[in-house]
């Protein structure tokens, strides 16, 4: 288990701060962009009108 005596030591991550915090930032950016892309795709799909047959209505009714 790791114990840090100060916030500075925690942020330095034992000399691996660039790798650790870079990975954290990259993961957050990728997860955020995934959410934005999914929301945009959902809006695009919902904006396209669907034929009446897809709503379960029979033709000729």
C-alpha atoms as a PDB file:
ATOM      1  CA  UNK A   1       0.000   0.000   0.000  1.00  0.00           C
ATOM      2  CA  UNK A   2       1.254   3.485  -0.825  1.00  0.00           C
ATOM      3  CA  UNK A   3       1.351   6.260   1.754  1.00  0.00           C
ATOM      4  CA  UNK A   4       2.151   9.841   0.879  1.00  0.00           C
ATOM      5  CA  UNK A   5       3.249  12.416   3.409  1.00  0.00           C
ATOM      6  CA  UNK A   6       2.139  15.385   1.296  1.00  0.00           C
ATOM      7  CA  UNK A   7      -0.034  16.339  -1.616  1.00  0.00           C
ATOM      8  CA  UNK A   8       3.084  17.072  -3.646  1.00  0.00           C
ATOM      9  CA  UNK A   9       4.316  13.505  -3.203  1.00  0.00           C
ATOM     10  CA  UNK A  10       0.937  12.191  -4.240  1.00  0.00           C
ATOM     11  CA  UNK A  11       0.870  14.350  -7.363  1.00  0.00           C
ATOM     12  CA  UNK A  12       4.457  13.359  -8.228  1.00  0.00           C
ATOM     13  CA  UNK A  13       3.467   9.668  -8.093  1.00  0.00           C
ATOM     14  CA  UNK A  14       6.959   8.550  -7.215  1.00  0.00           C
ATOM     15  CA  UNK A  15       8.453  10.124 -10.331  1.00  0.00           C
ATOM     16  CA  UNK A  16       5.875   8.656 -12.712  1.00  0.00           C
ATOM     17  CA  UNK A  17       3.461  11.608 -12.664  1.00  0.00           C
ATOM     18  CA  UNK A  18       3.651  12.277 -16.408  1.00  0.00           C
ATOM     19  CA  UNK A  19       2.652   8.691 -17.184  1.00  0.00           C
ATOM     20  CA  UNK A  20       0.000   8.395 -14.479  1.00  0.00           C
ATOM     21  CA  UNK A  21      -1.712  11.752 -14.950  1.00  0.00           C
ATOM     22  CA  UNK A  22      -1.307  11.598 -18.716  1.00  0.00           C
ATOM     23  CA  UNK A  23      -3.161   8.292 -18.687  1.00  0.00           C
ATOM     24  CA  UNK A  24      -5.880   9.699 -16.430  1.00  0.00           C
ATOM     25  CA  UNK A  25      -6.375  12.727 -18.698  1.00  0.00           C
ATOM     26  CA  UNK A  26      -6.368  10.621 -21.881  1.00  0.00           C
ATOM     27  CA  UNK A  27      -8.916   8.203 -20.419  1.00  0.00           C
ATOM     28  CA  UNK A  28     -11.190  11.063 -19.349  1.00  0.00           C
ATOM     29  CA  UNK A  29     -10.950  12.661 -22.808  1.00  0.00           C
ATOM     30  CA  UNK A  30     -11.716   9.413 -24.589  1.00  0.00           C
ATOM     31  CA  UNK A  31     -14.672   8.603 -22.335  1.00  0.00           C
ATOM     32  CA  UNK A  32     -16.022  12.128 -22.736  1.00  0.00           C
ATOM     33  CA  UNK A  33     -15.668  12.060 -26.508  1.00  0.00           C
ATOM     34  CA  UNK A  34     -17.405   8.684 -26.620  1.00  0.00           C
ATOM     35  CA  UNK A  35     -20.358  10.158 -24.739  1.00  0.00           C
ATOM     36  CA  UNK A  36     -20.514  13.147 -27.105  1.00  0.00           C
ATOM     37  CA  UNK A  37     -20.353  10.931 -30.188  1.00  0.00           C
ATOM     38  CA  UNK A  38     -23.083   8.649 -28.845  1.00  0.00           C
ATOM     39  CA  UNK A  39     -25.334  11.625 -28.062  1.00  0.00           C
ATOM     40  CA  UNK A  40     -24.770  13.055 -31.546  1.00  0.00           C
ATOM     41  CA  UNK A  41     -25.527   9.693 -33.182  1.00  0.00           C
ATOM     42  CA  UNK A  42     -28.700   9.339 -31.107  1.00  0.00           C
ATOM     43  CA  UNK A  43     -29.891  12.829 -32.130  1.00  0.00           C
ATOM     44  CA  UNK A  44     -29.215  12.010 -35.790  1.00  0.00           C
ATOM     45  CA  UNK A  45     -31.130   8.724 -35.590  1.00  0.00           C
ATOM     46  CA  UNK A  46     -34.097  10.313 -33.830  1.00  0.00           C
ATOM     47  CA  UNK A  47     -34.197  13.204 -36.333  1.00  0.00           C
ATOM     48  CA  UNK A  48     -34.780  10.879 -39.315  1.00  0.00           C
ATOM     49  CA  UNK A  49     -38.500  10.271 -39.901  1.00  0.00           C
ATOM     50  CA  UNK A  50     -39.421   6.606 -39.902  1.00  0.00           C
ATOM     51  CA  UNK A  51     -41.939   5.026 -42.276  1.00  0.00           C
ATOM     52  CA  UNK A  52     -45.356   4.268 -40.796  1.00  0.00           C
ATOM     53  CA  UNK A  53     -44.805   0.524 -41.289  1.00  0.00           C
ATOM     54  CA  UNK A  54     -42.109   0.582 -38.635  1.00  0.00           C
ATOM     55  CA  UNK A  55     -44.630   1.812 -36.082  1.00  0.00           C
ATOM     56  CA  UNK A  56     -46.621  -1.423 -36.438  1.00  0.00           C
ATOM     57  CA  UNK A  57     -49.317   0.056 -38.661  1.00  0.00           C
ATOM     58  CA  UNK A  58     -50.531  -2.253 -41.401  1.00  0.00           C
ATOM     59  CA  UNK A  59     -50.685  -0.982 -44.946  1.00  0.00           C
ATOM     60  CA  UNK A  60     -54.137   0.053 -46.108  1.00  0.00           C
ATOM     61  CA  UNK A  61     -55.486   0.951 -42.690  1.00  0.00           C
END
